[in-house]
Amino acid sequence: MQLNPLTAISPIDGRYHKATESLSPYFSEFGLIQYRVRVEVEYFIALTYALPQLSGFSKDLETKLRGLYKNFSEADAGSIKEIEKTTNHDVKAVEYFLKKNLMN
């Protein structure tokens, strides 16, 4: 079924899509995942300042981590959705995505 005003899940996605299109980066599934990545990255960075065990992380790592959400793509979101199929948990999938990218 192709998305159109009659098949949309709500009028916001249907008849009002043109008026609400600018909200997609915030309220779409993509936006939700991107902001989850951002929150997890910033939380981890904050922990590196708060916990002595994590104090050895460099500014280069901060830059790399922030790049994960600043350069977030649909492919990244798709990768997280694939991980979620295995974990059955959306936030855990984000954690695995971050772990995978930290190891590279």
C-alpha atoms as a PDB file:
ATOM      1  CA  MET A   1       0.000   0.000   0.000  1.00  0.00           C
ATOM      2  CA  GLN A   2       1.409   3.354  -1.008  1.00  0.00           C
ATOM      3  CA  LEU A   3       1.308   6.259   1.443  1.00  0.00           C
ATOM      4  CA  ASN A   4      -1.255   8.882   0.503  1.00  0.00           C
ATOM      5  CA  PRO A   5      -3.801  10.962   2.465  1.00  0.00           C
ATOM      6  CA  LEU A   6      -6.231   8.012   2.534  1.00  0.00           C
ATOM      7  CA  THR A   7      -3.737   5.370   3.684  1.00  0.00           C
ATOM      8  CA  ALA A   8      -1.769   7.495   6.138  1.00  0.00           C
ATOM      9  CA  ILE A   9      -1.897   6.456   9.775  1.00  0.00           C
ATOM     10  CA  SER A  10      -3.143   9.883  10.798  1.00  0.00           C
ATOM     11  CA  PRO A  11      -4.154  13.165   9.161  1.00  0.00           C
ATOM     12  CA  ILE A  12      -0.768  14.557  10.229  1.00  0.00           C
ATOM     13  CA  ASP A  13       0.928  12.095   7.857  1.00  0.00           C
ATOM     14  CA  GLY A  14      -1.825  12.444   5.300  1.00  0.00           C
ATOM     15  CA  ARG A  15      -3.700  15.594   4.474  1.00  0.00           C
ATOM     16  CA  TYR A  16      -1.563  17.824   6.726  1.00  0.00           C
ATOM     17  CA  HIS A  17       1.782  16.391   5.661  1.00  0.00           C
ATOM     18  CA  LYS A  18       2.825  19.510   3.748  1.00  0.00           C
ATOM     19  CA  ALA A  19       2.144  21.691   6.795  1.00  0.00           C
ATOM     20  CA  THR A  20       3.930  19.344   9.212  1.00  0.00           C
ATOM     21  CA  GLU A  21       6.774  18.162   6.981  1.00  0.00           C
ATOM     22  CA  SER A  22       9.306  20.366   8.816  1.00  0.00           C
ATOM     23  CA  LEU A  23       8.565  18.384  11.986  1.00  0.00           C
ATOM     24  CA  SER A  24       9.706  15.082  10.462  1.00  0.00           C
ATOM     25  CA  PRO A  25      13.310  15.421  11.693  1.00  0.00           C
ATOM     26  CA  TYR A  26      11.950  15.480  15.255  1.00  0.00           C
ATOM     27  CA  PHE A  27       8.902  13.210  15.277  1.00  0.00           C
ATOM     28  CA  SER A  28       9.667  10.572  12.648  1.00  0.00           C
ATOM     29  CA  GLU A  29      11.110   7.166  13.503  1.00  0.00           C
ATOM     30  CA  PHE A  30      14.401   8.419  12.037  1.00  0.00           C
ATOM     31  CA  GLY A  31      14.317  11.479  14.309  1.00  0.00           C
ATOM     32  CA  LEU A  32      13.550   9.373  17.365  1.00  0.00           C
ATOM     33  CA  ILE A  33      16.485   7.063  16.677  1.00  0.00           C
ATOM     34  CA  GLN A  34      18.869   9.935  15.924  1.00  0.00           C
ATOM     35  CA  TYR A  35      17.984  11.688  19.182  1.00  0.00           C
ATOM     36  CA  ARG A  36      18.388   8.440  21.102  1.00  0.00           C
ATOM     37  CA  VAL A  37      21.880   8.138  19.673  1.00  0.00           C
ATOM     38  CA  ARG A  38      22.575  11.747  20.634  1.00  0.00           C
ATOM     39  CA  VAL A  39      21.381  11.282  24.218  1.00  0.00           C
ATOM     40  CA  GLU A  40      23.402   8.089  24.692  1.00  0.00           C
ATOM     41  CA  VAL A  41      26.547   9.699  23.247  1.00  0.00           C
ATOM     42  CA  GLU A  42      26.273  12.819  25.390  1.00  0.00           C
ATOM     43  CA  TYR A  43      25.518  10.745  28.476  1.00  0.00           C
ATOM     44  CA  PHE A  44      28.618   8.619  27.875  1.00  0.00           C
ATOM     45  CA  ILE A  45      30.763  11.705  27.341  1.00  0.00           C
ATOM     46  CA  ALA A  46      29.446  13.163  30.609  1.00  0.00           C
ATOM     47  CA  LEU A  47      30.366   9.923  32.363  1.00  0.00           C
ATOM     48  CA  THR A  48      33.944  10.188  31.105  1.00  0.00           C
ATOM     49  CA  TYR A  49      34.212  13.449  33.056  1.00  0.00           C
ATOM     50  CA  ALA A  50      32.400  12.172  36.152  1.00  0.00           C
ATOM     51  CA  LEU A  51      33.952   8.717  36.610  1.00  0.00           C
ATOM     52  CA  PRO A  52      37.685   8.350  37.225  1.00  0.00           C
ATOM     53  CA  GLN A  53      37.617   4.908  35.542  1.00  0.00           C
ATOM     54  CA  LEU A  54      36.686   6.601  32.253  1.00  0.00           C
ATOM     55  CA  SER A  55      39.000   9.603  32.499  1.00  0.00           C
ATOM     56  CA  GLY A  56      41.429   8.241  29.890  1.00  0.00           C
ATOM     57  CA  PHE A  57      39.162   9.013  26.924  1.00  0.00           C
ATOM     58  CA  SER A  58      40.499  11.628  24.548  1.00  0.00           C
ATOM     59  CA  LYS A  59      38.969  14.637  22.840  1.00  0.00           C
ATOM     60  CA  ASP A  60      39.361  12.699  19.586  1.00  0.00           C
ATOM     61  CA  LEU A  61      36.960  10.098  20.948  1.00  0.00           C
ATOM     62  CA  GLU A  62      34.470  12.828  21.873  1.00  0.00           C
ATOM     63  CA  THR A  63      34.658  14.173  18.338  1.00  0.00           C
ATOM     64  CA  LYS A  64      34.195  10.693  16.876  1.00  0.00           C
ATOM     65  CA  LEU A  65      31.232   9.991  19.147  1.00  0.00           C
ATOM     66  CA  ARG A  66      29.521  13.280  18.380  1.00  0.00           C
ATOM     67  CA  GLY A  67      30.062  12.594  14.694  1.00  0.00           C
ATOM     68  CA  LEU A  68      27.804   9.556  15.071  1.00  0.00           C
ATOM     69  CA  TYR A  69      24.747  11.734  15.614  1.00  0.00           C
ATOM     70  CA  LYS A  70      25.873  14.802  13.674  1.00  0.00           C
ATOM     71  CA  ASN A  71      26.420  12.695  10.555  1.00  0.00           C
ATOM     72  CA  PHE A  72      23.571  10.257  11.262  1.00  0.00           C
ATOM     73  CA  SER A  73      22.094   8.760   8.109  1.00  0.00           C
ATOM     74  CA  GLU A  74      19.116   6.680   7.077  1.00  0.00           C
ATOM     75  CA  ALA A  75      21.551   3.786   6.672  1.00  0.00           C
ATOM     76  CA  ASP A  76      22.569   4.207  10.325  1.00  0.00           C
ATOM     77  CA  ALA A  77      18.913   4.190  11.379  1.00  0.00           C
ATOM     78  CA  GLY A  78      18.386   1.086   9.241  1.00  0.00           C
ATOM     79  CA  SER A  79      21.344  -0.581  10.927  1.00  0.00           C
ATOM     80  CA  ILE A  80      19.824   0.119  14.342  1.00  0.00           C
ATOM     81  CA  LYS A  81      16.454  -1.258  13.196  1.00  0.00           C
ATOM     82  CA  GLU A  82      18.225  -4.448  12.050  1.00  0.00           C
ATOM     83  CA  ILE A  83      19.905  -4.820  15.440  1.00  0.00           C
ATOM     84  CA  GLU A  84      16.529  -4.234  17.087  1.00  0.00           C
ATOM     85  CA  LYS A  85      15.127  -7.284  15.283  1.00  0.00           C
ATOM     86  CA  THR A  86      17.544  -9.380  17.344  1.00  0.00           C
ATOM     87  CA  THR A  87      17.385  -7.521  20.649  1.00  0.00           C
ATOM     88  CA  ASN A  88      13.652  -6.746  20.608  1.00  0.00           C
ATOM     89  CA  HIS A  89      14.592  -3.537  22.414  1.00  0.00           C
ATOM     90  CA  ASP A  90      15.062  -0.172  20.703  1.00  0.00           C
ATOM     91  CA  VAL A  91      17.416   1.441  23.229  1.00  0.00           C
ATOM     92  CA  LYS A  92      19.555  -1.713  23.505  1.00  0.00           C
ATOM     93  CA  ALA A  93      19.878  -1.647  19.719  1.00  0.00           C
ATOM     94  CA  VAL A  94      21.245   1.911  19.964  1.00  0.00           C
ATOM     95  CA  GLU A  95      23.764   0.746  22.567  1.00  0.00           C
ATOM     96  CA  TYR A  96      24.958  -2.067  20.295  1.00  0.00           C
ATOM     97  CA  PHE A  97      25.213   0.381  17.399  1.00  0.00           C
ATOM     98  CA  LEU A  98      27.401   2.682  19.504  1.00  0.00           C
ATOM     99  CA  LYS A  99      29.541  -0.217  20.694  1.00  0.00           C
ATOM    100  CA  LYS A 100      30.079  -1.378  17.119  1.00  0.00           C
ATOM    101  CA  ASN A 101      31.109   2.117  16.057  1.00  0.00           C
ATOM    102  CA  LEU A 102      33.381   2.589  19.051  1.00  0.00           C
ATOM    103  CA  MET A 103      35.274  -0.573  18.227  1.00  0.00           C
ATOM    104  CA  ASN A 104      36.062   0.662  14.700  1.00  0.00           C
END
